[in-house]
Amino acid sequence: MIDRHARRAVRPFIDIAVLALAWSVLSLAVGIPARPDALFTDWHIGLSLEVAIGLGLLAAWRALGLPRNRVWIALFTAAVVLTATIQLADMTARAVVARPLNIVLDITLIPALFDVMQTTLGGWRATGAIIAIIALIVLSAFLVYKLLHLTDRRMGNPAARVGAGVIVLVAAGLTAGQHSAGALIAGYHPMNTGGMRAWEIQIDKFAENQRRRAAFLQAATEDPLNGWRPGNGSTPPEASLFDRLNGADVLLIYIESYGRSAVEDPLYADTVRPVLERLDARFTDAGLSSRSGWMTAPMVGGQSWLAHATMLSGLWINDQAFFHLFVAEPRLTLVDMFNRAGYRTAAYMPAITLPWPEGRRYDFDRIYEVRDMDYAGPKWYWGTIPDQWVLDFLERGERQRPAEGDRAPLFVKAALISSHAPWLPTPEVVPWETLGDGEIYDQWAGQGDPPHVVWRDQDRIQQKYRESVAYSIEAVGDYVANFADDETLVIFLGDHQPATLITGLDAGFDVPVHVVSGDRNLVDAFADLDFRPGLIPAADATPHRMDIFRNWMVQAYSSLPESVEDGLVSETEAESTAPAISPDS
């Protein structure tokens, strides 16, 4: 009898302990912060109002005399696990691409994410990682379900139901007081509403997607360059397009993951800046003029095609949905304008190894993908073909096309890839006559540890990043010093900052842009964008968003009718004075 009475006396305390355990554990699950460095800090360790309400509903269900309902427990479990998954995905998005998760858009990037994982980890490790993630989600769901099942069993006792009611009242009171006092409450906040906030963000993102879609479509159709669209009765004379280039070839060369941090962060600048300084001296000796400045990319960490599309279209394309809209819209691109000016247009895309139907949108005369290049050297990880070899292929091909009479001037977009993660191995810049079909790169192909070993150590990752970016800059610079002249305008730049693993969370979106030519007048036009002489961009130079580039190029190098000139200036000013970019934009 004593044991039975003792158990009855202790039972309420056990019920309360189980409720407290459920509230605490589930609060940690739904209160995951947005930044990894905030895990298990004051930003994370707090009690959840949402979980308290869920426990209160379980208690109310049983208080009404209704039987235990496994469906409600399953729904509660799904809500907790899905909320935690969304928050972890949001944390990953902020850490990699410096912006919040946008479920509707980012779900389409899962194949690309798996591709990156295969490159950095290896095929079976990437597959194993995916299986482990799925297993972790399933295990978490099982444990949460068991915890809620145990909690629901306790709800059959009046003490547990009273305890649940008290939890709801305390949670509501603390949350109300915490929000109403606001800044008056310093330090630790006992209530964590991160779960609710995660869902609010995704709902807001969905509504924002619709608003931005409408604005984007309007911008895509209201184009000051529409006068050059075929069939337009008021088409300006095409002889005026890019006439100030005097027939110079224009080479737009992207260096993968070459961001402002590579030039200004001492961790990387001590390697990168000496390369730029040496190239600056070589350009001067070769009679070349140069200027450098900053442009602001629409993203960081990946999706280089968004930066390319932004610069060529004059539209701010900072997510995949906008890219798909751009592909479907008839907006004239910089490629279209060079086509109309009588240029031959070509794209060099050594990262394209699969069918690329979107490439047809740009209307290049020729697109060179991996299969179109006669490269016979080794392939390593993401850098399918070393940058120097791609530039040599460009020079041997389009730049030295057998002349049937005089060849047309050339506009090239080249997207180099050697400095793409995992940033290894790093070859050397060699004499151009030794490149051949690429077999020279066999000596570097197996050099060093594979990515899954290097990527265990952040110091080694950062070392490989600065080495690969320095190589890419040197390869482009050596190409310019050897092959550029007064009939060439070379614009080489970064496509975006690397992932925040390399730069830190607050490095921004700016990339260096360098302009070089033997014709000083072609280079000095960039002074209007606050580009200063030399290859080291001034720290105080004004950054311009990439979406001004199309209009500015047409305006700077063309003798335009006044009506078109006014439209370009108006649109460019609207773009350049748009709200400052942020991770949420």
Protein backbone atom coordinates (compact mmCIF):
# COMPACT_ATOMS: atom_id res chain seq x y z
CA MET A 1 0.00 0.00 0.00
CA ILE A 2 2.82 2.36 0.86
CA ASP A 3 4.48 1.73 -2.51
CA ARG A 4 1.23 2.36 -4.37
CA HIS A 5 0.58 5.59 -2.46
CA ALA A 6 4.15 6.64 -3.03
CA ARG A 7 3.83 6.07 -6.75
CA ARG A 8 0.61 8.10 -6.80
CA ALA A 9 2.33 10.91 -4.91
CA VAL A 10 5.28 10.93 -7.27
CA ARG A 11 3.27 10.59 -10.50
CA PRO A 12 2.36 14.32 -10.82
CA PHE A 13 6.06 15.21 -10.58
CA ILE A 14 6.90 12.65 -13.26
CA ASP A 15 4.12 14.06 -15.45
CA ILE A 16 5.48 17.59 -15.04
CA ALA A 17 9.05 16.36 -15.71
CA VAL A 18 7.95 14.68 -18.96
CA LEU A 19 6.14 17.87 -20.04
CA ALA A 20 9.18 19.98 -19.20
CA LEU A 21 11.43 17.60 -21.15
CA ALA A 22 9.13 17.68 -24.18
CA TRP A 23 8.88 21.47 -24.08
CA SER A 24 12.66 21.92 -23.76
CA VAL A 25 13.74 19.39 -26.39
CA LEU A 26 11.14 20.39 -28.96
CA SER A 27 11.91 24.07 -28.35
CA LEU A 28 15.53 23.42 -29.31
CA ALA A 29 14.33 21.64 -32.47
CA VAL A 30 12.07 24.44 -33.70
CA GLY A 31 14.26 27.30 -32.48
CA ILE A 32 17.32 26.65 -34.66
CA PRO A 33 18.99 30.03 -35.38
CA ALA A 34 19.89 31.43 -38.79
CA ARG A 35 23.66 31.36 -38.22
CA PRO A 36 25.78 28.34 -37.28
CA ASP A 37 27.75 30.34 -34.72
CA ALA A 38 24.51 30.99 -32.80
CA LEU A 39 23.74 27.30 -32.19
CA PHE A 40 23.25 26.57 -28.46
CA THR A 41 23.80 30.21 -27.54
CA ASP A 42 21.28 32.66 -26.07
CA TRP A 43 19.81 32.99 -29.57
CA HIS A 44 18.94 29.28 -29.57
CA ILE A 45 18.36 28.18 -25.98
CA GLY A 46 14.87 29.43 -25.30
CA LEU A 47 11.40 27.98 -24.86
CA SER A 48 9.00 27.86 -27.78
CA LEU A 49 5.53 29.39 -27.74
CA GLU A 50 4.53 27.18 -30.67
CA VAL A 51 5.48 23.98 -28.82
CA ALA A 52 3.67 25.19 -25.71
CA ILE A 53 0.49 25.73 -27.74
CA GLY A 54 0.86 22.26 -29.26
CA LEU A 55 1.14 20.68 -25.79
CA GLY A 56 -1.86 22.70 -24.67
CA LEU A 57 -3.92 21.35 -27.57
CA LEU A 58 -2.99 17.78 -26.64
CA ALA A 59 -4.10 18.48 -23.08
CA ALA A 60 -7.36 20.10 -24.21
CA TRP A 61 -8.13 17.11 -26.44
CA ARG A 62 -7.81 14.73 -23.50
CA ALA A 63 -9.62 17.09 -21.11
CA LEU A 64 -12.68 16.82 -23.36
CA GLY A 65 -12.68 13.09 -22.70
CA LEU A 66 -11.70 12.25 -26.26
CA PRO A 67 -9.56 9.17 -26.89
CA ARG A 68 -5.88 9.41 -27.73
CA ASN A 69 -5.41 10.41 -31.36
CA ARG A 70 -2.31 9.21 -33.16
CA VAL A 71 -3.14 11.42 -36.15
CA TRP A 72 -2.74 14.58 -34.04
CA ILE A 73 0.56 13.26 -32.68
CA ALA A 74 1.75 12.51 -36.21
CA LEU A 75 0.79 16.01 -37.38
CA PHE A 76 2.56 17.58 -34.40
CA THR A 77 5.63 15.48 -35.20
CA ALA A 78 5.56 16.50 -38.87
CA ALA A 79 5.27 20.18 -37.92
CA VAL A 80 8.29 19.99 -35.59
CA VAL A 81 10.51 18.03 -38.00
CA LEU A 82 9.55 20.10 -41.05
CA THR A 83 10.15 23.36 -39.17
CA ALA A 84 13.58 22.16 -38.01
CA THR A 85 14.45 21.02 -41.56
CA ILE A 86 13.47 24.38 -43.02
CA GLN A 87 15.56 26.20 -40.44
CA LEU A 88 18.61 24.03 -41.09
CA ALA A 89 18.18 24.59 -44.84
CA ASP A 90 17.88 28.32 -44.18
CA MET A 91 21.08 28.25 -42.12
CA THR A 92 22.84 26.43 -44.97
CA ALA A 93 21.60 28.93 -47.57
CA ARG A 94 22.80 31.88 -45.49
CA ALA A 95 26.18 30.22 -44.91
CA VAL A 96 26.76 29.30 -48.57
CA VAL A 97 25.03 31.97 -50.67
CA ALA A 98 24.49 34.69 -48.03
CA ARG A 99 20.73 34.90 -48.34
CA PRO A 100 17.71 33.32 -46.66
CA LEU A 101 16.14 30.13 -47.92
CA ASN A 102 13.43 30.56 -50.55
CA ILE A 103 11.79 27.13 -50.72
CA VAL A 104 9.86 27.67 -53.94
CA LEU A 105 13.01 28.71 -55.81
CA ASP A 106 15.73 26.76 -54.06
CA ILE A 107 14.14 23.36 -54.43
CA THR A 108 15.09 23.50 -58.12
CA LEU A 109 18.77 23.81 -57.14
CA ILE A 110 18.95 20.44 -55.37
CA PRO A 111 20.49 18.68 -58.43
CA ALA A 112 23.16 21.40 -58.67
CA LEU A 113 23.86 21.07 -54.94
CA PHE A 114 24.32 17.32 -55.31
CA ASP A 115 26.65 17.94 -58.25
CA VAL A 116 28.83 20.19 -56.06
CA MET A 117 28.81 17.57 -53.30
CA GLN A 118 29.96 14.91 -55.76
CA THR A 119 32.81 17.18 -56.85
CA THR A 120 34.03 18.04 -53.36
CA LEU A 121 33.32 14.76 -51.56
CA GLY A 122 33.40 12.16 -54.31
CA GLY A 123 30.48 10.20 -55.75
CA TRP A 124 29.94 7.59 -53.05
CA ARG A 125 30.60 10.05 -50.21
CA ALA A 126 28.06 12.49 -51.65
CA THR A 127 25.51 9.70 -51.98
CA GLY A 128 26.32 8.58 -48.44
CA ALA A 129 25.87 12.14 -47.17
CA ILE A 130 22.42 12.36 -48.79
CA ILE A 131 21.44 9.00 -47.31
CA ALA A 132 22.72 10.12 -43.90
CA ILE A 133 20.68 13.34 -44.09
CA ILE A 134 17.53 11.42 -44.99
CA ALA A 135 18.22 8.88 -42.22
CA LEU A 136 18.74 11.70 -39.72
CA ILE A 137 15.40 13.25 -40.65
CA VAL A 138 13.63 9.89 -40.33
CA LEU A 139 15.33 9.17 -37.00
CA SER A 140 14.45 12.64 -35.72
CA ALA A 141 10.83 12.11 -36.71
CA PHE A 142 10.79 8.75 -34.91
CA LEU A 143 12.26 10.22 -31.70
CA VAL A 144 9.93 13.24 -31.75
CA TYR A 145 6.94 10.95 -32.31
CA LYS A 146 7.98 8.75 -29.38
CA LEU A 147 8.45 11.77 -27.12
CA LEU A 148 5.05 13.17 -28.05
CA HIS A 149 3.47 9.73 -27.66
CA LEU A 150 4.89 9.52 -24.13
CA THR A 151 3.70 13.05 -23.40
CA ASP A 152 0.20 12.28 -24.69
CA ARG A 153 0.01 9.25 -22.39
CA ARG A 154 0.67 11.54 -19.45
CA MET A 155 -2.16 13.81 -20.54
CA GLY A 156 -4.57 11.19 -19.19
CA ASN A 157 -3.65 12.46 -15.72
CA PRO A 158 -5.22 15.71 -14.44
CA ALA A 159 -1.89 16.98 -13.10
CA ALA A 160 -0.32 16.77 -16.57
CA ARG A 161 -3.22 18.62 -18.15
CA VAL A 162 -3.00 21.35 -15.53
CA GLY A 163 0.74 21.52 -16.09
CA ALA A 164 0.19 21.91 -19.85
CA GLY A 165 -2.26 24.74 -19.21
CA VAL A 166 0.23 26.47 -16.95
CA ILE A 167 2.91 26.07 -19.64
CA VAL A 168 0.66 27.77 -22.23
CA LEU A 169 -0.14 30.67 -19.87
CA VAL A 170 3.49 31.15 -18.86
CA ALA A 171 4.65 30.97 -22.48
CA ALA A 172 2.03 33.47 -23.65
CA GLY A 173 2.81 35.84 -20.80
CA LEU A 174 6.57 35.73 -21.33
CA THR A 175 6.21 36.17 -25.08
CA ALA A 176 3.88 39.16 -24.69
CA GLY A 177 6.11 40.78 -22.12
CA GLN A 178 9.23 40.09 -24.10
CA HIS A 179 7.82 41.71 -27.25
CA SER A 180 6.12 44.66 -25.56
CA ALA A 181 9.17 45.60 -23.53
CA GLY A 182 11.37 45.22 -26.59
CA ALA A 183 14.69 46.93 -26.13
CA LEU A 184 14.04 47.39 -22.40
CA ILE A 185 14.80 43.71 -21.89
CA ALA A 186 18.54 43.22 -22.18
CA GLY A 187 20.40 39.97 -22.65
CA TYR A 188 18.74 36.58 -22.70
CA HIS A 189 15.14 36.28 -23.94
CA PRO A 190 13.45 33.22 -22.43
CA MET A 191 11.00 32.73 -25.31
CA ASN A 192 12.17 31.68 -28.77
CA THR A 193 9.69 32.23 -31.62
CA GLY A 194 12.12 31.13 -34.35
CA GLY A 195 9.84 28.36 -35.59
CA MET A 196 6.95 30.71 -36.24
CA ARG A 197 9.30 33.22 -37.80
CA ALA A 198 10.69 30.57 -40.18
CA TRP A 199 7.21 29.94 -41.60
CA GLU A 200 6.43 33.67 -41.77
CA ILE A 201 9.59 34.21 -43.83
CA GLN A 202 8.65 31.49 -46.32
CA ILE A 203 5.09 32.82 -46.66
CA ASP A 204 6.45 36.34 -47.17
CA LYS A 205 8.94 35.01 -49.73
CA PHE A 206 6.15 33.38 -51.69
CA ALA A 207 4.15 36.64 -51.81
CA GLU A 208 7.31 38.59 -52.61
CA ASN A 209 8.08 36.21 -55.48
CA GLN A 210 4.75 37.12 -57.09
CA ARG A 211 5.27 40.87 -56.69
CA ARG A 212 8.82 40.75 -57.99
CA ARG A 213 7.76 38.58 -60.91
CA ALA A 214 5.29 41.25 -62.07
CA ALA A 215 7.88 44.02 -61.69
CA PHE A 216 10.49 41.97 -63.52
CA LEU A 217 8.20 41.28 -66.47
CA GLN A 218 7.39 44.97 -66.72
CA ALA A 219 11.09 45.87 -66.73
CA ALA A 220 11.78 43.18 -69.34
CA THR A 221 9.24 44.63 -71.78
CA GLU A 222 9.82 48.38 -71.21
CA ASP A 223 13.24 48.38 -72.86
CA PRO A 224 14.82 51.56 -74.27
CA LEU A 225 16.67 49.40 -76.81
CA ASN A 226 13.47 48.08 -78.37
CA GLY A 227 14.07 50.44 -81.27
CA TRP A 228 16.63 47.96 -82.57
CA ARG A 229 14.21 45.05 -82.43
CA PRO A 230 13.67 43.53 -85.92
CA GLY A 231 10.50 44.79 -87.54
CA ASN A 232 10.43 48.04 -85.61
CA GLY A 233 9.59 50.80 -88.06
CA SER A 234 11.74 53.38 -86.23
CA THR A 235 14.92 51.32 -86.09
CA PRO A 236 17.97 53.59 -85.57
CA PRO A 237 20.88 53.14 -87.97
CA GLU A 238 22.89 50.07 -86.95
CA ALA A 239 26.07 51.79 -88.08
CA SER A 240 25.82 53.86 -84.91
CA LEU A 241 25.95 50.81 -82.65
CA PHE A 242 29.39 50.48 -81.00
CA ASP A 243 30.93 52.73 -83.63
CA ARG A 244 33.19 54.25 -80.96
CA LEU A 245 34.87 50.86 -80.53
CA ASN A 246 36.37 51.34 -83.98
CA GLY A 247 36.00 47.64 -84.74
CA ALA A 248 37.92 46.45 -81.67
CA ASP A 249 37.34 42.93 -80.40
CA VAL A 250 35.57 42.92 -77.02
CA LEU A 251 36.44 40.05 -74.67
CA LEU A 252 34.30 39.72 -71.55
CA ILE A 253 36.11 37.18 -69.35
CA TYR A 254 34.72 35.94 -66.04
CA ILE A 255 37.02 34.53 -63.37
CA GLU A 256 35.06 32.13 -61.22
CA SER A 257 34.61 33.10 -57.53
CA TYR A 258 36.94 36.11 -57.84
CA GLY A 259 35.42 38.48 -55.31
CA ARG A 260 36.39 41.64 -53.47
CA SER A 261 37.69 39.54 -50.58
CA ALA A 262 40.44 38.18 -52.83
CA VAL A 263 41.81 41.71 -53.20
CA GLU A 264 41.13 43.20 -49.76
CA ASP A 265 41.06 40.40 -47.20
CA PRO A 266 44.69 39.98 -45.99
CA LEU A 267 44.18 36.21 -45.91
CA TYR A 268 43.99 36.25 -49.73
CA ALA A 269 45.28 39.68 -50.76
CA ASP A 270 48.85 38.84 -49.75
CA THR A 271 48.80 36.26 -52.58
CA VAL A 272 46.51 37.96 -55.11
CA ARG A 273 47.66 41.59 -55.02
CA PRO A 274 51.30 40.83 -55.97
CA VAL A 275 50.00 39.01 -59.05
CA LEU A 276 47.96 42.08 -60.03
CA GLU A 277 50.92 44.36 -59.39
CA ARG A 278 53.22 42.26 -61.60
CA LEU A 279 50.62 42.21 -64.37
CA ASP A 280 50.16 45.97 -64.06
CA ALA A 281 53.87 46.46 -64.74
CA ARG A 282 53.77 44.02 -67.68
CA PHE A 283 50.80 45.82 -69.22
CA THR A 284 52.60 49.15 -68.99
CA ASP A 285 55.70 47.65 -70.62
CA ALA A 286 53.50 46.21 -73.38
CA GLY A 287 51.91 49.62 -74.08
CA LEU A 288 48.53 48.63 -72.63
CA SER A 289 46.29 50.89 -70.58
CA SER A 290 44.19 49.57 -67.70
CA ARG A 291 41.56 50.70 -65.23
CA SER A 292 39.84 48.84 -62.40
CA GLY A 293 36.75 49.25 -60.27
CA TRP A 294 33.97 47.36 -58.55
CA MET A 295 30.66 45.91 -59.62
CA THR A 296 28.01 44.36 -57.39
CA ALA A 297 26.95 40.84 -58.30
CA PRO A 298 23.39 39.65 -57.73
CA MET A 299 24.48 36.69 -55.58
CA VAL A 300 27.43 35.05 -53.83
CA GLY A 301 28.74 31.52 -53.57
CA GLY A 302 27.38 30.05 -56.80
CA GLN A 303 24.90 30.24 -59.70
CA SER A 304 27.33 32.15 -61.91
CA TRP A 305 24.81 32.15 -64.74
CA LEU A 306 22.75 34.72 -62.81
CA ALA A 307 25.62 37.22 -62.96
CA HIS A 308 26.19 36.52 -66.67
CA ALA A 309 22.49 37.01 -67.45
CA THR A 310 22.34 40.19 -65.35
CA MET A 311 25.21 41.84 -67.20
CA LEU A 312 24.05 40.81 -70.66
CA SER A 313 20.35 41.62 -70.19
CA GLY A 314 20.42 44.75 -68.02
CA LEU A 315 17.93 43.06 -65.66
CA TRP A 316 18.57 42.31 -62.00
CA ILE A 317 18.49 38.49 -62.05
CA ASN A 318 19.25 37.36 -58.52
CA ASP A 319 17.36 34.08 -58.36
CA GLN A 320 16.50 31.12 -60.55
CA ALA A 321 12.88 32.17 -61.11
CA PHE A 322 14.03 35.45 -62.67
CA PHE A 323 16.49 33.54 -64.85
CA HIS A 324 13.68 31.36 -66.20
CA LEU A 325 11.59 34.49 -66.87
CA PHE A 326 14.53 36.08 -68.66
CA VAL A 327 14.96 32.98 -70.85
CA ALA A 328 11.28 33.17 -71.82
CA GLU A 329 11.22 36.94 -72.50
CA PRO A 330 12.34 38.68 -75.73
CA ARG A 331 14.45 41.34 -73.98
CA LEU A 332 17.42 42.36 -76.14
CA THR A 333 20.78 41.40 -74.68
CA LEU A 334 24.25 42.78 -75.20
CA VAL A 335 24.85 39.82 -77.52
CA ASP A 336 21.90 40.92 -79.67
CA MET A 337 23.32 44.42 -79.86
CA PHE A 338 26.76 43.22 -80.95
CA ASN A 339 25.11 40.96 -83.53
CA ARG A 340 23.26 43.98 -84.95
CA ALA A 341 26.50 45.96 -85.03
CA GLY A 342 28.07 43.35 -87.32
CA TYR A 343 30.16 41.59 -84.73
CA ARG A 344 30.70 37.85 -84.64
CA THR A 345 29.65 36.64 -81.18
CA ALA A 346 30.95 33.57 -79.35
CA ALA A 347 30.74 32.05 -75.87
CA TYR A 348 33.37 29.84 -74.26
CA MET A 349 31.78 27.69 -71.54
CA PRO A 350 34.21 25.02 -70.27
CA ALA A 351 31.88 24.16 -67.37
CA ILE A 352 29.06 23.06 -69.68
CA THR A 353 29.21 19.27 -69.88
CA LEU A 354 25.48 18.54 -70.28
CA PRO A 355 22.87 19.84 -72.74
CA TRP A 356 22.40 23.60 -72.27
CA PRO A 357 19.19 24.66 -74.03
CA GLU A 358 19.20 28.00 -72.16
CA GLY A 359 22.33 28.93 -74.10
CA ARG A 360 20.26 29.40 -77.24
CA ARG A 361 18.52 32.32 -75.53
CA TYR A 362 21.62 34.49 -76.00
CA ASP A 363 21.81 34.00 -79.78
CA PHE A 364 25.60 33.71 -79.93
CA ASP A 365 26.91 32.83 -83.37
CA ARG A 366 28.86 30.01 -81.73
CA ILE A 367 28.90 28.43 -78.27
CA TYR A 368 31.94 26.35 -77.35
CA GLU A 369 31.16 23.79 -74.67
CA VAL A 370 33.53 21.09 -73.42
CA ARG A 371 32.62 18.76 -76.26
CA ASP A 372 33.46 21.47 -78.81
CA MET A 373 37.01 21.99 -77.58
CA ASP A 374 39.78 19.64 -78.74
CA TYR A 375 41.17 19.29 -75.23
CA ALA A 376 42.95 15.96 -74.63
CA GLY A 377 44.35 16.63 -71.19
CA PRO A 378 43.11 15.32 -67.83
CA LYS A 379 39.85 16.43 -66.25
CA TRP A 380 39.94 17.17 -62.54
CA TYR A 381 36.98 17.80 -60.32
CA TRP A 382 35.00 20.87 -61.40
CA GLY A 383 37.74 22.55 -63.42
CA THR A 384 37.17 20.51 -66.55
CA ILE A 385 39.66 22.50 -68.65
CA PRO A 386 42.37 24.80 -67.20
CA ASP A 387 41.81 28.50 -67.82
CA GLN A 388 45.01 29.10 -69.78
CA TRP A 389 44.15 26.34 -72.24
CA VAL A 390 40.64 27.79 -72.79
CA LEU A 391 42.14 31.19 -73.57
CA ASP A 392 44.64 29.58 -75.93
CA PHE A 393 41.77 27.78 -77.68
CA LEU A 394 40.00 31.13 -78.03
CA GLU A 395 43.09 32.76 -79.52
CA ARG A 396 43.79 29.88 -81.92
CA GLY A 397 40.15 29.76 -82.97
CA GLU A 398 37.88 32.79 -83.15
CA ARG A 399 40.63 35.37 -82.74
CA GLN A 400 42.71 33.89 -85.57
CA ARG A 401 39.93 32.63 -87.81
CA PRO A 402 41.17 32.10 -91.39
CA ALA A 403 40.25 35.35 -93.06
CA GLU A 404 37.88 35.33 -96.00
CA GLY A 405 38.72 38.93 -96.53
CA ASP A 406 38.83 40.79 -93.23
CA ARG A 407 37.12 38.92 -90.39
CA ALA A 408 34.32 40.64 -88.49
CA PRO A 409 35.17 42.11 -85.09
CA LEU A 410 34.53 39.72 -82.24
CA PHE A 411 32.48 39.83 -79.04
CA VAL A 412 33.33 36.98 -76.67
CA LYS A 413 31.96 35.91 -73.34
CA ALA A 414 34.28 33.41 -71.63
CA ALA A 415 33.38 31.85 -68.28
CA LEU A 416 36.60 30.37 -66.87
CA ILE A 417 36.37 27.58 -64.32
CA SER A 418 39.75 26.74 -62.71
CA SER A 419 38.96 28.78 -59.59
CA HIS A 420 35.68 26.97 -58.97
CA ALA A 421 35.44 24.95 -55.75
CA PRO A 422 37.03 22.62 -54.72
CA TRP A 423 39.96 24.80 -55.95
CA LEU A 424 42.40 22.03 -56.70
CA PRO A 425 44.72 21.04 -58.08
CA THR A 426 46.25 24.30 -59.25
CA PRO A 427 48.35 24.15 -62.44
CA GLU A 428 50.98 26.68 -63.43
CA VAL A 429 50.93 29.23 -66.22
CA VAL A 430 53.25 27.83 -68.90
CA PRO A 431 54.61 29.19 -72.19
CA TRP A 432 51.72 29.32 -74.65
CA GLU A 433 53.52 27.36 -77.32
CA THR A 434 53.79 24.36 -74.95
CA LEU A 435 50.06 23.95 -74.27
CA GLY A 436 49.33 21.70 -77.25
CA ASP A 437 46.23 19.57 -76.82
CA GLY A 438 46.37 19.74 -73.03
CA GLU A 439 48.38 16.65 -72.17
CA ILE A 440 50.89 18.95 -70.47
CA TYR A 441 48.46 19.10 -67.54
CA ASP A 442 48.97 15.42 -66.69
CA GLN A 443 51.78 16.50 -64.35
CA TRP A 444 49.31 18.36 -62.11
CA ALA A 445 46.23 16.15 -62.40
CA GLY A 446 47.00 13.88 -59.43
CA GLN A 447 48.86 16.44 -57.39
CA GLY A 448 48.03 16.78 -53.70
CA ASP A 449 45.20 15.36 -51.64
CA PRO A 450 41.70 14.85 -53.07
CA PRO A 451 38.89 17.26 -52.11
CA HIS A 452 37.34 15.10 -49.41
CA VAL A 453 40.68 15.26 -47.54
CA VAL A 454 41.39 18.96 -48.15
CA TRP A 455 37.87 19.97 -47.18
CA ARG A 456 38.29 18.64 -43.66
CA ASP A 457 40.55 21.61 -42.87
CA GLN A 458 39.32 25.17 -43.38
CA ASP A 459 42.88 26.54 -43.48
CA ARG A 460 43.70 24.27 -46.42
CA ILE A 461 40.45 25.20 -48.18
CA GLN A 462 41.36 28.89 -47.90
CA GLN A 463 44.90 28.19 -49.09
CA LYS A 464 43.62 26.35 -52.17
CA TYR A 465 41.15 29.15 -52.91
CA ARG A 466 43.79 31.88 -52.97
CA GLU A 467 46.17 29.73 -55.04
CA SER A 468 43.52 28.95 -57.65
CA VAL A 469 42.30 32.55 -57.94
CA ALA A 470 45.89 33.77 -58.27
CA TYR A 471 46.43 31.21 -61.05
CA SER A 472 43.30 32.31 -62.91
CA ILE A 473 44.23 35.99 -62.70
CA GLU A 474 47.76 35.24 -63.86
CA ALA A 475 46.47 33.13 -66.78
CA VAL A 476 44.16 35.91 -67.96
CA GLY A 477 46.82 38.57 -67.41
CA ASP A 478 49.44 36.61 -69.30
CA TYR A 479 46.98 36.16 -72.15
CA VAL A 480 46.26 39.90 -72.24
CA ALA A 481 49.96 40.82 -72.12
CA ASN A 482 50.74 38.48 -75.02
CA PHE A 483 47.73 38.90 -77.30
CA ALA A 484 45.87 42.17 -76.61
CA ASP A 485 46.55 45.24 -78.73
CA ASP A 486 44.92 48.54 -79.68
CA GLU A 487 42.19 46.62 -81.49
CA THR A 488 41.21 44.66 -78.39
CA LEU A 489 39.17 45.66 -75.33
CA VAL A 490 39.45 43.09 -72.54
CA ILE A 491 37.10 43.24 -69.56
CA PHE A 492 37.94 40.60 -66.97
CA LEU A 493 36.12 40.34 -63.67
CA GLY A 494 34.82 38.06 -60.97
CA ASP A 495 31.38 36.57 -61.39
CA HIS A 496 30.64 36.60 -57.65
CA GLN A 497 32.19 36.33 -54.22
CA PRO A 498 32.95 32.78 -53.06
CA ALA A 499 30.88 31.10 -50.35
CA THR A 500 30.91 32.62 -46.88
CA LEU A 501 33.07 29.70 -45.76
CA ILE A 502 35.84 31.65 -47.52
CA THR A 503 34.84 35.26 -46.98
CA GLY A 504 32.94 35.29 -43.69
CA LEU A 505 29.30 36.25 -43.36
CA ASP A 506 29.55 40.00 -43.96
CA ALA A 507 31.88 40.31 -46.95
CA GLY A 508 29.32 41.78 -49.34
CA PHE A 509 28.58 41.16 -53.02
CA ASP A 510 31.23 43.24 -54.83
CA VAL A 511 33.68 41.84 -57.40
CA PRO A 512 36.77 43.42 -59.01
CA VAL A 513 36.52 44.47 -62.67
CA HIS A 514 39.60 45.20 -64.81
CA VAL A 515 39.59 46.83 -68.25
CA VAL A 516 42.63 46.65 -70.55
CA SER A 517 43.39 47.78 -74.11
CA GLY A 518 46.17 49.16 -76.26
CA ASP A 519 43.74 51.99 -77.12
CA ARG A 520 43.68 54.28 -74.09
CA ASN A 521 40.43 55.94 -75.20
CA LEU A 522 38.55 52.64 -74.97
CA VAL A 523 39.76 52.17 -71.40
CA ASP A 524 39.23 55.75 -70.25
CA ALA A 525 35.51 55.51 -71.01
CA PHE A 526 35.25 53.46 -67.80
CA ALA A 527 36.27 56.50 -65.78
CA ASP A 528 32.54 57.35 -65.83
CA LEU A 529 32.03 54.28 -63.61
CA ASP A 530 34.74 55.44 -61.19
CA PHE A 531 37.28 52.97 -62.55
CA ARG A 532 40.77 54.20 -61.65
CA PRO A 533 44.07 53.56 -63.50
CA GLY A 534 45.84 50.27 -62.77
CA LEU A 535 44.79 46.78 -61.73
CA ILE A 536 44.18 47.40 -58.01
CA PRO A 537 40.63 48.76 -57.56
CA ALA A 538 40.52 51.72 -55.20
CA ALA A 539 38.90 50.86 -51.89
CA ASP A 540 36.75 54.00 -52.05
CA ALA A 541 35.68 53.56 -55.70
CA THR A 542 31.90 53.47 -56.20
CA PRO A 543 30.52 49.97 -56.88
CA HIS A 544 27.87 49.73 -59.64
CA ARG A 545 25.36 46.94 -59.92
CA MET A 546 25.93 44.52 -62.77
CA ASP A 547 22.56 45.30 -64.33
CA ILE A 548 23.81 48.71 -65.54
CA PHE A 549 26.43 47.10 -67.76
CA ARG A 550 24.34 46.45 -70.88
CA ASN A 551 22.96 49.98 -71.11
CA TRP A 552 26.25 51.57 -70.16
CA MET A 553 28.21 49.67 -72.84
CA VAL A 554 25.74 50.66 -75.55
CA GLN A 555 25.70 54.26 -74.35
CA ALA A 556 29.48 54.63 -73.89
CA TYR A 557 30.54 53.15 -77.23
CA SER A 558 27.70 54.14 -79.58
CA SER A 559 26.60 57.33 -81.35
CA LEU A 560 22.96 57.11 -80.32
CA PRO A 561 19.84 58.99 -81.36
CA GLU A 562 18.80 61.36 -78.59
CA SER A 563 15.60 59.42 -77.86
CA VAL A 564 17.51 56.19 -77.23
CA GLU A 565 20.24 57.98 -75.27
CA ASP A 566 17.67 59.53 -72.90
CA GLY A 567 15.98 56.18 -72.36
CA LEU A 568 19.25 54.43 -71.56
CA VAL A 569 20.33 57.13 -69.13
CA SER A 570 16.95 57.04 -67.41
CA GLU A 571 16.94 53.26 -67.01
CA THR A 572 20.58 53.12 -65.90
CA GLU A 573 20.00 55.79 -63.26
CA ALA A 574 16.97 53.88 -61.97
CA GLU A 575 19.05 50.71 -61.66
CA SER A 576 22.07 52.34 -60.09
CA THR A 577 20.00 54.18 -57.47
CA ALA A 578 17.94 51.12 -56.50
CA PRO A 579 18.00 50.11 -52.81
CA ALA A 580 21.30 48.73 -51.62
CA ILE A 581 21.59 45.00 -52.02
CA SER A 582 21.21 42.84 -48.95
CA PRO A 583 21.04 39.11 -48.29
CA ASP A 584 17.24 39.39 -48.35
CA SER A 585 17.04 41.03 -51.76
